[in-house]
Amino acid sequence: MIVAFSVSPIGVGEDVGEYVADAVRVVRESGLPNRTDAMFTSVEGEWDEVMDVVKRAVAAVEARCGRVSLVLKADIRQGVTGGLTSKVETVERYLADGASGAGASS
């Protein structure tokens, strides 16, 4: 499964990068495949291990502020690994081929 999530402290002002770094550190130290961009951190693995990482990432932020916002989206697909990379590669391949079409999905 792949989970894309965003965890942000509430009530600490606009500059939240230091808090978000605490959450991302938990993800990176987990050893699971992951990727962070400007809006979300994605992590790939089995249900229990991914959800444990999300829970610990939220706890890391919560430990420094008392209120946390969590946004989470999951792609639950049995038997698939490497999706964190392969889904992006599929889109890039279509872009490189110049292919176009309606209803893009990976």
C-alpha atoms as a PDB file:
ATOM      1  CA  MET A   1       0.000   0.000   0.000  1.00  0.00           C
ATOM      2  CA  ILE A   2       1.035   3.582  -0.533  1.00  0.00           C
ATOM      3  CA  VAL A   3      -0.056   6.279   1.879  1.00  0.00           C
ATOM      4  CA  ALA A   4       0.346   9.953   1.120  1.00  0.00           C
ATOM      5  CA  PHE A   5      -0.076  12.072   4.205  1.00  0.00           C
ATOM      6  CA  SER A   6       0.430  15.544   5.528  1.00  0.00           C
ATOM      7  CA  VAL A   7       0.765  16.361   9.206  1.00  0.00           C
ATOM      8  CA  SER A   8       0.774  19.959  10.413  1.00  0.00           C
ATOM      9  CA  PRO A   9       0.711  21.552  13.838  1.00  0.00           C
ATOM     10  CA  ILE A  10      -2.171  23.867  14.623  1.00  0.00           C
ATOM     11  CA  GLY A  11      -1.764  27.048  16.623  1.00  0.00           C
ATOM     12  CA  VAL A  12       1.976  27.586  16.146  1.00  0.00           C
ATOM     13  CA  GLY A  13       1.875  30.219  13.403  1.00  0.00           C
ATOM     14  CA  GLU A  14       2.698  30.065   9.719  1.00  0.00           C
ATOM     15  CA  ASP A  15       6.243  28.695   9.884  1.00  0.00           C
ATOM     16  CA  VAL A  16       5.689  24.981  10.460  1.00  0.00           C
ATOM     17  CA  GLY A  17       8.717  23.539   8.651  1.00  0.00           C
ATOM     18  CA  GLU A  18      10.523  22.586  11.850  1.00  0.00           C
ATOM     19  CA  TYR A  19       7.507  20.580  13.044  1.00  0.00           C
ATOM     20  CA  VAL A  20       7.003  18.926   9.657  1.00  0.00           C
ATOM     21  CA  ALA A  21      10.698  17.949   9.662  1.00  0.00           C
ATOM     22  CA  ASP A  22      10.074  16.027  12.894  1.00  0.00           C
ATOM     23  CA  ALA A  23       7.381  13.991  11.127  1.00  0.00           C
ATOM     24  CA  VAL A  24       9.475  13.414   8.003  1.00  0.00           C
ATOM     25  CA  ARG A  25      12.405  12.292  10.157  1.00  0.00           C
ATOM     26  CA  VAL A  26      10.208   9.523  11.607  1.00  0.00           C
ATOM     27  CA  VAL A  27       9.280   8.382   8.098  1.00  0.00           C
ATOM     28  CA  ARG A  28      12.863   8.372   6.836  1.00  0.00           C
ATOM     29  CA  GLU A  29      14.130   6.511   9.897  1.00  0.00           C
ATOM     30  CA  SER A  30      11.457   3.823   9.353  1.00  0.00           C
ATOM     31  CA  GLY A  31      13.407   2.330   6.458  1.00  0.00           C
ATOM     32  CA  LEU A  32      10.265   2.102   4.312  1.00  0.00           C
ATOM     33  CA  PRO A  33      10.347   3.506   0.768  1.00  0.00           C
ATOM     34  CA  ASN A  34       9.251   7.134   0.972  1.00  0.00           C
ATOM     35  CA  ARG A  35       9.180  10.418  -0.886  1.00  0.00           C
ATOM     36  CA  THR A  36       8.497  13.934   0.371  1.00  0.00           C
ATOM     37  CA  ASP A  37       7.323  16.845  -1.766  1.00  0.00           C
ATOM     38  CA  ALA A  38       5.958  20.297  -1.013  1.00  0.00           C
ATOM     39  CA  MET A  39       2.545  19.025   0.086  1.00  0.00           C
ATOM     40  CA  PHE A  40       2.757  15.376   1.179  1.00  0.00           C
ATOM     41  CA  THR A  41       5.026  12.593   2.290  1.00  0.00           C
ATOM     42  CA  SER A  42       4.338   9.223   0.679  1.00  0.00           C
ATOM     43  CA  VAL A  43       5.372   5.964   2.285  1.00  0.00           C
ATOM     44  CA  GLU A  44       5.015   2.403   0.973  1.00  0.00           C
ATOM     45  CA  GLY A  45       4.713  -0.873   2.832  1.00  0.00           C
ATOM     46  CA  GLU A  46       2.264  -3.223   4.507  1.00  0.00           C
ATOM     47  CA  TRP A  47      -0.817  -1.823   6.266  1.00  0.00           C
ATOM     48  CA  ASP A  48       0.384  -2.192   9.855  1.00  0.00           C
ATOM     49  CA  GLU A  49       3.894  -0.880   9.243  1.00  0.00           C
ATOM     50  CA  VAL A  50       2.731   2.134   7.218  1.00  0.00           C
ATOM     51  CA  MET A  51       0.030   3.069   9.706  1.00  0.00           C
ATOM     52  CA  ASP A  52       2.526   2.716  12.553  1.00  0.00           C
ATOM     53  CA  VAL A  53       4.844   5.172  10.799  1.00  0.00           C
ATOM     54  CA  VAL A  54       1.984   7.645  10.257  1.00  0.00           C
ATOM     55  CA  LYS A  55       0.965   7.332  13.916  1.00  0.00           C
ATOM     56  CA  ARG A  56       4.536   7.937  15.109  1.00  0.00           C
ATOM     57  CA  ALA A  57       4.953  10.891  12.737  1.00  0.00           C
ATOM     58  CA  VAL A  58       1.796  12.496  14.129  1.00  0.00           C
ATOM     59  CA  ALA A  59       2.993  11.818  17.687  1.00  0.00           C
ATOM     60  CA  ALA A  60       6.318  13.528  16.944  1.00  0.00           C
ATOM     61  CA  VAL A  61       4.515  16.734  15.966  1.00  0.00           C
ATOM     62  CA  GLU A  62       1.905  16.413  18.712  1.00  0.00           C
ATOM     63  CA  ALA A  63       4.660  16.177  21.320  1.00  0.00           C
ATOM     64  CA  ARG A  64       5.634  19.761  20.510  1.00  0.00           C
ATOM     65  CA  CYS A  65       2.255  21.393  20.077  1.00  0.00           C
ATOM     66  CA  GLY A  66      -1.065  20.000  21.425  1.00  0.00           C
ATOM     67  CA  ARG A  67      -3.117  19.975  18.237  1.00  0.00           C
ATOM     68  CA  VAL A  68      -2.320  18.381  14.897  1.00  0.00           C
ATOM     69  CA  SER A  69      -4.007  18.228  11.511  1.00  0.00           C
ATOM     70  CA  LEU A  70      -3.623  14.997   9.507  1.00  0.00           C
ATOM     71  CA  VAL A  71      -4.620  14.520   5.864  1.00  0.00           C
ATOM     72  CA  LEU A  72      -4.210  10.968   4.542  1.00  0.00           C
ATOM     73  CA  LYS A  73      -4.849   9.249   1.222  1.00  0.00           C
ATOM     74  CA  ALA A  74      -4.173   5.531   0.693  1.00  0.00           C
ATOM     75  CA  ASP A  75      -3.783   3.303  -2.365  1.00  0.00           C
ATOM     76  CA  ILE A  76      -4.493  -0.184  -1.048  1.00  0.00           C
ATOM     77  CA  ARG A  77      -3.500  -2.753  -3.648  1.00  0.00           C
ATOM     78  CA  GLN A  78      -2.617  -6.297  -2.582  1.00  0.00           C
ATOM     79  CA  GLY A  79       0.507  -7.884  -3.999  1.00  0.00           C
ATOM     80  CA  VAL A  80       1.982  -4.711  -5.481  1.00  0.00           C
ATOM     81  CA  THR A  81       5.351  -3.423  -4.382  1.00  0.00           C
ATOM     82  CA  GLY A  82       7.485  -0.676  -5.870  1.00  0.00           C
ATOM     83  CA  GLY A  83       4.416   1.400  -6.661  1.00  0.00           C
ATOM     84  CA  LEU A  84       5.959   4.529  -5.218  1.00  0.00           C
ATOM     85  CA  THR A  85       8.351   4.538  -8.152  1.00  0.00           C
ATOM     86  CA  SER A  86       6.473   2.641 -10.852  1.00  0.00           C
ATOM     87  CA  LYS A  87       3.394   4.879 -10.786  1.00  0.00           C
ATOM     88  CA  VAL A  88       5.537   7.936 -11.506  1.00  0.00           C
ATOM     89  CA  GLU A  89       7.535   6.066 -14.157  1.00  0.00           C
ATOM     90  CA  THR A  90       4.301   5.159 -15.959  1.00  0.00           C
ATOM     91  CA  VAL A  91       3.218   8.790 -16.158  1.00  0.00           C
ATOM     92  CA  GLU A  92       6.696   9.883 -17.257  1.00  0.00           C
ATOM     93  CA  ARG A  93       6.668   7.236 -20.001  1.00  0.00           C
ATOM     94  CA  TYR A  94       3.376   8.577 -21.352  1.00  0.00           C
ATOM     95  CA  LEU A  95       4.722  12.116 -21.223  1.00  0.00           C
ATOM     96  CA  ALA A  96       7.883  11.107 -23.090  1.00  0.00           C
ATOM     97  CA  ASP A  97       5.848   9.276 -25.748  1.00  0.00           C
ATOM     98  CA  GLY A  98       3.694  12.354 -26.290  1.00  0.00           C
ATOM     99  CA  ALA A  99       0.621  10.238 -25.719  1.00  0.00           C
ATOM    100  CA  SER A 100      -2.560  11.898 -24.634  1.00  0.00           C
ATOM    101  CA  GLY A 101      -5.857  10.570 -23.495  1.00  0.00           C
ATOM    102  CA  ALA A 102      -8.782  11.154 -21.220  1.00  0.00           C
ATOM    103  CA  GLY A 103      -9.172   9.632 -17.804  1.00  0.00           C
ATOM    104  CA  ALA A 104      -5.532   9.287 -16.831  1.00  0.00           C
ATOM    105  CA  SER A 105      -4.946   6.899 -13.942  1.00  0.00           C
ATOM    106  CA  SER A 106      -2.027   4.820 -12.742  1.00  0.00           C
END
